[in-house]
Amino acid sequence: MKNKVLSLLGFAKKSGNLVSGVNTCTFNINRGKVKLMMLAEDISEGSEKKIMKEIRKAGLEYIKYGTIDELSHATGAEGRSVFAILDEGFASSILRETGEIKS
């Protein structure tokens, strides 16, 4: 299961449907482009507080999944703990694989 989710993240990145980093994700949340937020399980408290404020304000679904190292390696974005999926298909597939829906 974990490998499939990480593969989906890689495909989303290659197709331009994944952005990472608190500021870039916040920008896309405010533009209404984000379908699902994914946070690393070992995200720093400051980053989590900042992004959760934006997630709640926009009423977005989010999941906590994987470590920073696992997610960064899968997406080729070193040291990132916050990811925004911009495509409904990828978001649905990831939610189906993880079975963890929060809002």
PDB file of N, CA and C in Angstrom:
ATOM      1  N   MET A   1       0.828  -1.199   0.000  1.00  0.00           N
ATOM      2  CA  MET A   1       0.000   0.000   0.000  1.00  0.00           C
ATOM      3  C   MET A   1       0.865   1.252   0.000  1.00  0.00           C
ATOM      4  N   LYS A   2       1.879   1.297   0.869  1.00  0.00           N
ATOM      5  CA  LYS A   2       2.703   2.494   0.967  1.00  0.00           C
ATOM      6  C   LYS A   2       3.411   2.782  -0.356  1.00  0.00           C
ATOM      7  N   ASN A   3       3.928   1.730  -0.992  1.00  0.00           N
ATOM      8  CA  ASN A   3       4.602   1.929  -2.274  1.00  0.00           C
ATOM      9  C   ASN A   3       3.664   2.498  -3.321  1.00  0.00           C
ATOM     10  N   LYS A   4       2.408   2.067  -3.316  1.00  0.00           N
ATOM     11  CA  LYS A   4       1.450   2.562  -4.295  1.00  0.00           C
ATOM     12  C   LYS A   4       1.160   4.046  -4.071  1.00  0.00           C
ATOM     13  N   VAL A   5       1.002   4.439  -2.821  1.00  0.00           N
ATOM     14  CA  VAL A   5       0.756   5.859  -2.516  1.00  0.00           C
ATOM     15  C   VAL A   5       1.954   6.699  -2.930  1.00  0.00           C
ATOM     16  N   LEU A   6       3.146   6.229  -2.614  1.00  0.00           N
ATOM     17  CA  LEU A   6       4.350   6.972  -2.993  1.00  0.00           C
ATOM     18  C   LEU A   6       4.498   7.045  -4.514  1.00  0.00           C
ATOM     19  N   SER A   7       4.133   5.971  -5.211  1.00  0.00           N
ATOM     20  CA  SER A   7       4.150   5.989  -6.680  1.00  0.00           C
ATOM     21  C   SER A   7       3.153   7.005  -7.224  1.00  0.00           C
ATOM     22  N   LEU A   8       1.964   7.048  -6.634  1.00  0.00           N
ATOM     23  CA  LEU A   8       0.955   8.025  -7.063  1.00  0.00           C
ATOM     24  C   LEU A   8       1.467   9.455  -6.881  1.00  0.00           C
ATOM     25  N   LEU A   9       2.166   9.701  -5.782  1.00  0.00           N
ATOM     26  CA  LEU A   9       2.747  11.033  -5.566  1.00  0.00           C
ATOM     27  C   LEU A   9       3.773  11.359  -6.642  1.00  0.00           C
ATOM     28  N   GLY A  10       4.593  10.386  -6.985  1.00  0.00           N
ATOM     29  CA  GLY A  10       5.583  10.596  -8.046  1.00  0.00           C
ATOM     30  C   GLY A  10       4.937  10.902  -9.384  1.00  0.00           C
ATOM     31  N   PHE A  11       3.885  10.156  -9.714  1.00  0.00           N
ATOM     32  CA  PHE A  11       3.164  10.407 -10.970  1.00  0.00           C
ATOM     33  C   PHE A  11       2.497  11.783 -10.959  1.00  0.00           C
ATOM     34  N   ALA A  12       1.937  12.160  -9.810  1.00  0.00           N
ATOM     35  CA  ALA A  12       1.301  13.482  -9.697  1.00  0.00           C
ATOM     36  C   ALA A  12       2.338  14.583  -9.914  1.00  0.00           C
ATOM     37  N   LYS A  13       3.509  14.402  -9.360  1.00  0.00           N
ATOM     38  CA  LYS A  13       4.580  15.389  -9.526  1.00  0.00           C
ATOM     39  C   LYS A  13       4.990  15.503 -10.995  1.00  0.00           C
ATOM     40  N   LYS A  14       5.194  14.353 -11.638  1.00  0.00           N
ATOM     41  CA  LYS A  14       5.617  14.355 -13.044  1.00  0.00           C
ATOM     42  C   LYS A  14       4.576  14.981 -13.955  1.00  0.00           C
ATOM     43  N   SER A  15       3.299  14.831 -13.597  1.00  0.00           N
ATOM     44  CA  SER A  15       2.239  15.378 -14.445  1.00  0.00           C
ATOM     45  C   SER A  15       1.889  16.828 -14.095  1.00  0.00           C
ATOM     46  N   GLY A  16       2.580  17.396 -13.109  1.00  0.00           N
ATOM     47  CA  GLY A  16       2.325  18.788 -12.740  1.00  0.00           C
ATOM     48  C   GLY A  16       1.129  18.967 -11.820  1.00  0.00           C
ATOM     49  N   ASN A  17       0.705  17.894 -11.185  1.00  0.00           N
ATOM     50  CA  ASN A  17      -0.465  17.957 -10.298  1.00  0.00           C
ATOM     51  C   ASN A  17      -0.109  17.853  -8.825  1.00  0.00           C
ATOM     52  N   LEU A  18       1.136  18.157  -8.475  1.00  0.00           N
ATOM     53  CA  LEU A  18       1.582  18.123  -7.090  1.00  0.00           C
ATOM     54  C   LEU A  18       2.521  19.292  -6.851  1.00  0.00           C
ATOM     55  N   VAL A  19       2.280  20.034  -5.803  1.00  0.00           N
ATOM     56  CA  VAL A  19       3.197  21.091  -5.374  1.00  0.00           C
ATOM     57  C   VAL A  19       3.574  20.818  -3.930  1.00  0.00           C
ATOM     58  N   SER A  20       4.714  21.362  -3.504  1.00  0.00           N
ATOM     59  CA  SER A  20       5.182  21.093  -2.154  1.00  0.00           C
ATOM     60  C   SER A  20       5.728  22.358  -1.506  1.00  0.00           C
ATOM     61  N   GLY A  21       5.810  22.308  -0.184  1.00  0.00           N
ATOM     62  CA  GLY A  21       6.287  23.448   0.584  1.00  0.00           C
ATOM     63  C   GLY A  21       5.122  24.277   1.094  1.00  0.00           C
ATOM     64  N   VAL A  22       5.279  24.807   2.288  1.00  0.00           N
ATOM     65  CA  VAL A  22       4.189  25.542   2.933  1.00  0.00           C
ATOM     66  C   VAL A  22       3.730  26.735   2.103  1.00  0.00           C
ATOM     67  N   ASN A  23       4.676  27.544   1.624  1.00  0.00           N
ATOM     68  CA  ASN A  23       4.286  28.764   0.902  1.00  0.00           C
ATOM     69  C   ASN A  23       3.626  28.458  -0.439  1.00  0.00           C
ATOM     70  N   THR A  24       4.180  27.529  -1.195  1.00  0.00           N
ATOM     71  CA  THR A  24       3.608  27.167  -2.492  1.00  0.00           C
ATOM     72  C   THR A  24       2.228  26.539  -2.317  1.00  0.00           C
ATOM     73  N   CYS A  25       2.096  25.685  -1.317  1.00  0.00           N
ATOM     74  CA  CYS A  25       0.793  25.061  -1.056  1.00  0.00           C
ATOM     75  C   CYS A  25      -0.237  26.108  -0.635  1.00  0.00           C
ATOM     76  N   THR A  26       0.170  27.035   0.232  1.00  0.00           N
ATOM     77  CA  THR A  26      -0.738  28.103   0.668  1.00  0.00           C
ATOM     78  C   THR A  26      -1.209  28.922  -0.525  1.00  0.00           C
ATOM     79  N   PHE A  27      -0.302  29.254  -1.431  1.00  0.00           N
ATOM     80  CA  PHE A  27      -0.649  30.007  -2.640  1.00  0.00           C
ATOM     81  C   PHE A  27      -1.700  29.257  -3.454  1.00  0.00           C
ATOM     82  N   ASN A  28      -1.506  27.956  -3.639  1.00  0.00           N
ATOM     83  CA  ASN A  28      -2.458  27.157  -4.418  1.00  0.00           C
ATOM     84  C   ASN A  28      -3.771  26.937  -3.689  1.00  0.00           C
ATOM     85  N   ILE A  29      -3.742  26.852  -2.374  1.00  0.00           N
ATOM     86  CA  ILE A  29      -4.990  26.775  -1.590  1.00  0.00           C
ATOM     87  C   ILE A  29      -5.804  28.035  -1.826  1.00  0.00           C
ATOM     88  N   ASN A  30      -5.159  29.178  -1.754  1.00  0.00           N
ATOM     89  CA  ASN A  30      -5.859  30.458  -1.932  1.00  0.00           C
ATOM     90  C   ASN A  30      -6.392  30.644  -3.342  1.00  0.00           C
ATOM     91  N   ARG A  31      -5.789  29.979  -4.309  1.00  0.00           N
ATOM     92  CA  ARG A  31      -6.271  30.030  -5.702  1.00  0.00           C
ATOM     93  C   ARG A  31      -7.375  29.007  -5.962  1.00  0.00           C
ATOM     94  N   GLY A  32      -7.677  28.163  -4.974  1.00  0.00           N
ATOM     95  CA  GLY A  32      -8.738  27.169  -5.115  1.00  0.00           C
ATOM     96  C   GLY A  32      -8.355  25.967  -5.955  1.00  0.00           C
ATOM     97  N   LYS A  33      -7.070  25.701  -6.110  1.00  0.00           N
ATOM     98  CA  LYS A  33      -6.601  24.620  -6.976  1.00  0.00           C
ATOM     99  C   LYS A  33      -6.435  23.283  -6.254  1.00  0.00           C
ATOM    100  N   VAL A  34      -6.346  23.286  -4.933  1.00  0.00           N
ATOM    101  CA  VAL A  34      -5.976  22.096  -4.173  1.00  0.00           C
ATOM    102  C   VAL A  34      -7.180  21.188  -3.923  1.00  0.00           C
ATOM    103  N   LYS A  35      -6.991  19.892  -4.193  1.00  0.00           N
ATOM    104  CA  LYS A  35      -8.031  18.883  -3.959  1.00  0.00           C
ATOM    105  C   LYS A  35      -7.783  18.109  -2.672  1.00  0.00           C
ATOM    106  N   LEU A  36      -6.508  17.944  -2.294  1.00  0.00           N
ATOM    107  CA  LEU A  36      -6.146  17.187  -1.095  1.00  0.00           C
ATOM    108  C   LEU A  36      -4.788  17.668  -0.599  1.00  0.00           C
ATOM    109  N   MET A  37      -4.668  17.809   0.713  1.00  0.00           N
ATOM    110  CA  MET A  37      -3.382  18.142   1.324  1.00  0.00           C
ATOM    111  C   MET A  37      -2.807  16.902   1.978  1.00  0.00           C
ATOM    112  N   MET A  38      -1.508  16.729   1.856  1.00  0.00           N
ATOM    113  CA  MET A  38      -0.820  15.617   2.502  1.00  0.00           C
ATOM    114  C   MET A  38       0.308  16.189   3.341  1.00  0.00           C
ATOM    115  N   LEU A  39       0.300  15.832   4.616  1.00  0.00           N
ATOM    116  CA  LEU A  39       1.321  16.293   5.548  1.00  0.00           C
ATOM    117  C   LEU A  39       2.138  15.090   6.000  1.00  0.00           C
ATOM    118  N   ALA A  40       3.436  15.273   6.139  1.00  0.00           N
ATOM    119  CA  ALA A  40       4.288  14.212   6.668  1.00  0.00           C
ATOM    120  C   ALA A  40       3.953  14.008   8.141  1.00  0.00           C
ATOM    121  N   GLU A  41       4.075  12.775   8.596  1.00  0.00           N
ATOM    122  CA  GLU A  41       3.786  12.478   9.999  1.00  0.00           C
ATOM    123  C   GLU A  41       4.765  13.160  10.940  1.00  0.00           C
ATOM    124  N   ASP A  42       5.979  13.451  10.460  1.00  0.00           N
ATOM    125  CA  ASP A  42       6.990  14.092  11.299  1.00  0.00           C
ATOM    126  C   ASP A  42       7.190  15.575  10.945  1.00  0.00           C
ATOM    127  N   ILE A  43       6.115  16.232  10.518  1.00  0.00           N
ATOM    128  CA  ILE A  43       6.141  17.660  10.192  1.00  0.00           C
ATOM    129  C   ILE A  43       6.459  18.461  11.464  1.00  0.00           C
ATOM    130  N   SER A  44       7.164  19.574  11.299  1.00  0.00           N
ATOM    131  CA  SER A  44       7.477  20.418  12.458  1.00  0.00           C
ATOM    132  C   SER A  44       6.199  21.091  12.955  1.00  0.00           C
ATOM    133  N   GLU A  45       6.195  21.405  14.225  1.00  0.00           N
ATOM    134  CA  GLU A  45       5.009  22.010  14.835  1.00  0.00           C
ATOM    135  C   GLU A  45       4.648  23.349  14.183  1.00  0.00           C
ATOM    136  N   GLY A  46       5.664  24.151  13.884  1.00  0.00           N
ATOM    137  CA  GLY A  46       5.418  25.461  13.270  1.00  0.00           C
ATOM    138  C   GLY A  46       4.804  25.349  11.883  1.00  0.00           C
ATOM    139  N   SER A  47       5.348  24.452  11.065  1.00  0.00           N
ATOM    140  CA  SER A  47       4.809  24.256   9.714  1.00  0.00           C
ATOM    141  C   SER A  47       3.390  23.715   9.767  1.00  0.00           C
ATOM    142  N   GLU A  48       3.163  22.770  10.680  1.00  0.00           N
ATOM    143  CA  GLU A  48       1.828  22.187  10.796  1.00  0.00           C
ATOM    144  C   GLU A  48       0.804  23.243  11.209  1.00  0.00           C
ATOM    145  N   LYS A  49       1.162  24.064  12.155  1.00  0.00           N
ATOM    146  CA  LYS A  49       0.246  25.111  12.628  1.00  0.00           C
ATOM    147  C   LYS A  49      -0.110  26.073  11.492  1.00  0.00           C
ATOM    148  N   LYS A  50       0.907  26.470  10.729  1.00  0.00           N
ATOM    149  CA  LYS A  50       0.698  27.427   9.633  1.00  0.00           C
ATOM    150  C   LYS A  50      -0.194  26.841   8.535  1.00  0.00           C
ATOM    151  N   ILE A  51       0.108  25.615   8.111  1.00  0.00           N
ATOM    152  CA  ILE A  51      -0.659  25.038   7.002  1.00  0.00           C
ATOM    153  C   ILE A  51      -2.049  24.619   7.449  1.00  0.00           C
ATOM    154  N   MET A  52      -2.187  24.156   8.689  1.00  0.00           N
ATOM    155  CA  MET A  52      -3.515  23.746   9.176  1.00  0.00           C
ATOM    156  C   MET A  52      -4.474  24.932   9.231  1.00  0.00           C
ATOM    157  N   LYS A  53      -3.964  26.104   9.514  1.00  0.00           N
ATOM    158  CA  LYS A  53      -4.803  27.315   9.497  1.00  0.00           C
ATOM    159  C   LYS A  53      -5.395  27.519   8.109  1.00  0.00           C
ATOM    160  N   GLU A  54      -4.575  27.350   7.080  1.00  0.00           N
ATOM    161  CA  GLU A  54      -5.036  27.509   5.695  1.00  0.00           C
ATOM    162  C   GLU A  54      -5.990  26.386   5.285  1.00  0.00           C
ATOM    163  N   ILE A  55      -5.686  25.168   5.711  1.00  0.00           N
ATOM    164  CA  ILE A  55      -6.531  24.015   5.381  1.00  0.00           C
ATOM    165  C   ILE A  55      -7.922  24.197   5.969  1.00  0.00           C
ATOM    166  N   ARG A  56      -7.980  24.591   7.238  1.00  0.00           N
ATOM    167  CA  ARG A  56      -9.285  24.795   7.897  1.00  0.00           C
ATOM    168  C   ARG A  56     -10.065  25.937   7.250  1.00  0.00           C
ATOM    169  N   LYS A  57      -9.356  27.015   6.935  1.00  0.00           N
ATOM    170  CA  LYS A  57      -9.999  28.180   6.315  1.00  0.00           C
ATOM    171  C   LYS A  57     -10.639  27.810   4.981  1.00  0.00           C
ATOM    172  N   ALA A  58      -9.956  26.950   4.217  1.00  0.00           N
ATOM    173  CA  ALA A  58     -10.459  26.549   2.900  1.00  0.00           C
ATOM    174  C   ALA A  58     -11.389  25.336   2.968  1.00  0.00           C
ATOM    175  N   GLY A  59     -11.463  24.683   4.129  1.00  0.00           N
ATOM    176  CA  GLY A  59     -12.319  23.503   4.276  1.00  0.00           C
ATOM    177  C   GLY A  59     -11.824  22.311   3.474  1.00  0.00           C
ATOM    178  N   LEU A  60     -10.512  22.145   3.368  1.00  0.00           N
ATOM    179  CA  LEU A  60      -9.925  21.075   2.563  1.00  0.00           C
ATOM    180  C   LEU A  60      -9.778  19.779   3.348  1.00  0.00           C
ATOM    181  N   GLU A  61      -9.769  18.678   2.607  1.00  0.00           N
ATOM    182  CA  GLU A  61      -9.434  17.383   3.192  1.00  0.00           C
ATOM    183  C   GLU A  61      -7.919  17.295   3.298  1.00  0.00           C
ATOM    184  N   TYR A  62      -7.450  16.590   4.328  1.00  0.00           N
ATOM    185  CA  TYR A  62      -6.015  16.378   4.469  1.00  0.00           C
ATOM    186  C   TYR A  62      -5.764  15.018   5.101  1.00  0.00           C
ATOM    187  N   ILE A  63      -4.559  14.521   4.869  1.00  0.00           N
ATOM    188  CA  ILE A  63      -4.127  13.294   5.538  1.00  0.00           C
ATOM    189  C   ILE A  63      -2.698  13.491   6.006  1.00  0.00           C
ATOM    190  N   LYS A  64      -2.357  12.767   7.056  1.00  0.00           N
ATOM    191  CA  LYS A  64      -0.969  12.683   7.509  1.00  0.00           C
ATOM    192  C   LYS A  64      -0.490  11.306   7.090  1.00  0.00           C
ATOM    193  N   TYR A  65       0.618  11.305   6.356  1.00  0.00           N
ATOM    194  CA  TYR A  65       1.064  10.037   5.783  1.00  0.00           C
ATOM    195  C   TYR A  65       2.565  10.060   5.543  1.00  0.00           C
ATOM    196  N   GLY A  66       3.257   9.030   5.946  1.00  0.00           N
ATOM    197  CA  GLY A  66       4.674   8.883   5.655  1.00  0.00           C
ATOM    198  C   GLY A  66       5.559   9.876   6.381  1.00  0.00           C
ATOM    199  N   THR A  67       6.848   9.702   6.186  1.00  0.00           N
ATOM    200  CA  THR A  67       7.823  10.608   6.794  1.00  0.00           C
ATOM    201  C   THR A  67       8.296  11.624   5.760  1.00  0.00           C
ATOM    202  N   ILE A  68       8.962  12.644   6.240  1.00  0.00           N
ATOM    203  CA  ILE A  68       9.511  13.657   5.342  1.00  0.00           C
ATOM    204  C   ILE A  68      10.445  13.000   4.329  1.00  0.00           C
ATOM    205  N   ASP A  69      11.300  12.097   4.815  1.00  0.00           N
ATOM    206  CA  ASP A  69      12.246  11.430   3.911  1.00  0.00           C
ATOM    207  C   ASP A  69      11.540  10.608   2.839  1.00  0.00           C
ATOM    208  N   GLU A  70      10.521   9.839   3.232  1.00  0.00           N
ATOM    209  CA  GLU A  70       9.793   8.999   2.269  1.00  0.00           C
ATOM    210  C   GLU A  70       9.093   9.856   1.212  1.00  0.00           C
ATOM    211  N   LEU A  71       8.386  10.879   1.663  1.00  0.00           N
ATOM    212  CA  LEU A  71       7.629  11.730   0.740  1.00  0.00           C
ATOM    213  C   LEU A  71       8.562  12.541  -0.153  1.00  0.00           C
ATOM    214  N   SER A  72       9.636  13.057   0.427  1.00  0.00           N
ATOM    215  CA  SER A  72      10.595  13.832  -0.358  1.00  0.00           C
ATOM    216  C   SER A  72      11.256  12.972  -1.426  1.00  0.00           C
ATOM    217  N   HIS A  73      11.631  11.759  -1.057  1.00  0.00           N
ATOM    218  CA  HIS A  73      12.268  10.853  -2.022  1.00  0.00           C
ATOM    219  C   HIS A  73      11.303  10.514  -3.164  1.00  0.00           C
ATOM    220  N   ALA A  74      10.047  10.263  -2.833  1.00  0.00           N
ATOM    221  CA  ALA A  74       9.054   9.889  -3.854  1.00  0.00           C
ATOM    222  C   ALA A  74       8.783  11.020  -4.837  1.00  0.00           C
ATOM    223  N   THR A  75       8.923  12.260  -4.368  1.00  0.00           N
ATOM    224  CA  THR A  75       8.583  13.406  -5.211  1.00  0.00           C
ATOM    225  C   THR A  75       9.795  14.167  -5.740  1.00  0.00           C
ATOM    226  N   GLY A  76      10.974  13.819  -5.253  1.00  0.00           N
ATOM    227  CA  GLY A  76      12.173  14.527  -5.697  1.00  0.00           C
ATOM    228  C   GLY A  76      12.294  15.923  -5.118  1.00  0.00           C
ATOM    229  N   ALA A  77      11.595  16.191  -4.023  1.00  0.00           N
ATOM    230  CA  ALA A  77      11.633  17.497  -3.372  1.00  0.00           C
ATOM    231  C   ALA A  77      12.227  17.305  -1.973  1.00  0.00           C
ATOM    232  N   GLU A  78      13.491  17.584  -1.820  1.00  0.00           N
ATOM    233  CA  GLU A  78      14.187  17.325  -0.562  1.00  0.00           C
ATOM    234  C   GLU A  78      13.656  18.149   0.604  1.00  0.00           C
ATOM    235  N   GLY A  79      13.455  17.477   1.728  1.00  0.00           N
ATOM    236  CA  GLY A  79      13.107  18.150   2.972  1.00  0.00           C
ATOM    237  C   GLY A  79      11.722  18.758   3.043  1.00  0.00           C
ATOM    238  N   ARG A  80      10.818  18.344   2.190  1.00  0.00           N
ATOM    239  CA  ARG A  80       9.463  18.908   2.199  1.00  0.00           C
ATOM    240  C   ARG A  80       8.541  18.062   3.068  1.00  0.00           C
ATOM    241  N   SER A  81       7.656  18.729   3.793  1.00  0.00           N
ATOM    242  CA  SER A  81       6.733  18.018   4.684  1.00  0.00           C
ATOM    243  C   SER A  81       5.277  18.298   4.353  1.00  0.00           C
ATOM    244  N   VAL A  82       5.038  19.184   3.386  1.00  0.00           N
ATOM    245  CA  VAL A  82       3.680  19.584   3.016  1.00  0.00           C
ATOM    246  C   VAL A  82       3.523  19.453   1.507  1.00  0.00           C
ATOM    247  N   PHE A  83       2.470  18.739   1.096  1.00  0.00           N
ATOM    248  CA  PHE A  83       2.221  18.503  -0.325  1.00  0.00           C
ATOM    249  C   PHE A  83       0.761  18.765  -0.645  1.00  0.00           C
ATOM    250  N   ALA A  84       0.514  19.374  -1.802  1.00  0.00           N
ATOM    251  CA  ALA A  84      -0.848  19.644  -2.258  1.00  0.00           C
ATOM    252  C   ALA A  84      -1.078  18.906  -3.570  1.00  0.00           C
ATOM    253  N   ILE A  85      -2.127  18.100  -3.599  1.00  0.00           N
ATOM    254  CA  ILE A  85      -2.506  17.386  -4.817  1.00  0.00           C
ATOM    255  C   ILE A  85      -3.537  18.252  -5.532  1.00  0.00           C
ATOM    256  N   LEU A  86      -3.286  18.543  -6.808  1.00  0.00           N
ATOM    257  CA  LEU A  86      -4.119  19.477  -7.560  1.00  0.00           C
ATOM    258  C   LEU A  86      -5.120  18.799  -8.490  1.00  0.00           C
ATOM    259  N   ASP A  87      -5.093  17.485  -8.550  1.00  0.00           N
ATOM    260  CA  ASP A  87      -5.963  16.746  -9.454  1.00  0.00           C
ATOM    261  C   ASP A  87      -6.902  15.844  -8.660  1.00  0.00           C
ATOM    262  N   GLU A  88      -8.183  15.878  -9.001  1.00  0.00           N
ATOM    263  CA  GLU A  88      -9.191  15.091  -8.294  1.00  0.00           C
ATOM    264  C   GLU A  88      -8.939  13.592  -8.411  1.00  0.00           C
ATOM    265  N   GLY A  89      -8.484  13.146  -9.567  1.00  0.00           N
ATOM    266  CA  GLY A  89      -8.215  11.726  -9.771  1.00  0.00           C
ATOM    267  C   GLY A  89      -7.104  11.216  -8.863  1.00  0.00           C
ATOM    268  N   PHE A  90      -5.998  11.953  -8.796  1.00  0.00           N
ATOM    269  CA  PHE A  90      -4.912  11.567  -7.906  1.00  0.00           C
ATOM    270  C   PHE A  90      -5.362  11.632  -6.447  1.00  0.00           C
ATOM    271  N   ALA A  91      -6.100  12.667  -6.094  1.00  0.00           N
ATOM    272  CA  ALA A  91      -6.579  12.818  -4.718  1.00  0.00           C
ATOM    273  C   ALA A  91      -7.462  11.633  -4.322  1.00  0.00           C
ATOM    274  N   SER A  92      -8.387  11.256  -5.195  1.00  0.00           N
ATOM    275  CA  SER A  92      -9.278  10.122  -4.923  1.00  0.00           C
ATOM    276  C   SER A  92      -8.509   8.822  -4.782  1.00  0.00           C
ATOM    277  N   SER A  93      -7.549   8.601  -5.657  1.00  0.00           N
ATOM    278  CA  SER A  93      -6.746   7.379  -5.611  1.00  0.00           C
ATOM    279  C   SER A  93      -5.942   7.291  -4.321  1.00  0.00           C
ATOM    280  N   ILE A  94      -5.351   8.400  -3.916  1.00  0.00           N
ATOM    281  CA  ILE A  94      -4.563   8.412  -2.693  1.00  0.00           C
ATOM    282  C   ILE A  94      -5.448   8.167  -1.480  1.00  0.00           C
ATOM    283  N   LEU A  95      -6.613   8.809  -1.437  1.00  0.00           N
ATOM    284  CA  LEU A  95      -7.541   8.591  -0.323  1.00  0.00           C
ATOM    285  C   LEU A  95      -8.019   7.144  -0.274  1.00  0.00           C
ATOM    286  N   ARG A  96      -8.269   6.576  -1.429  1.00  0.00           N
ATOM    287  CA  ARG A  96      -8.720   5.181  -1.500  1.00  0.00           C
ATOM    288  C   ARG A  96      -7.633   4.239  -0.976  1.00  0.00           C
ATOM    289  N   GLU A  97      -6.387   4.503  -1.344  1.00  0.00           N
ATOM    290  CA  GLU A  97      -5.276   3.650  -0.906  1.00  0.00           C
ATOM    291  C   GLU A  97      -4.975   3.774   0.581  1.00  0.00           C
ATOM    292  N   THR A  98      -5.096   4.986   1.120  1.00  0.00           N
ATOM    293  CA  THR A  98      -4.755   5.196   2.532  1.00  0.00           C
ATOM    294  C   THR A  98      -5.935   4.911   3.448  1.00  0.00           C
ATOM    295  N   GLY A  99      -7.147   5.169   2.958  1.00  0.00           N
ATOM    296  CA  GLY A  99      -8.339   4.968   3.785  1.00  0.00           C
ATOM    297  C   GLY A  99      -8.429   5.951   4.937  1.00  0.00           C
ATOM    298  N   GLU A 100      -7.664   7.042   4.869  1.00  0.00           N
ATOM    299  CA  GLU A 100      -7.655   8.031   5.950  1.00  0.00           C
ATOM    300  C   GLU A 100      -8.227   9.343   5.446  1.00  0.00           C
ATOM    301  N   ILE A 101      -9.481   9.583   5.707  1.00  0.00           N
ATOM    302  CA  ILE A 101     -10.103  10.830   5.273  1.00  0.00           C
ATOM    303  C   ILE A 101     -10.356  11.688   6.505  1.00  0.00           C
ATOM    304  N   LYS A 102      -9.813  12.908   6.461  1.00  0.00           N
ATOM    305  CA  LYS A 102     -10.030  13.886   7.534  1.00  0.00           C
ATOM    306  C   LYS A 102     -10.420  15.187   6.881  1.00  0.00           C
ATOM    307  N   SER A 103     -11.126  15.987   7.607  1.00  0.00           N
ATOM    308  CA  SER A 103     -11.422  17.331   7.082  1.00  0.00           C
ATOM    309  C   SER A 103     -11.536  18.316   8.214  1.00  0.00           C
TER     310      SER A 103
END
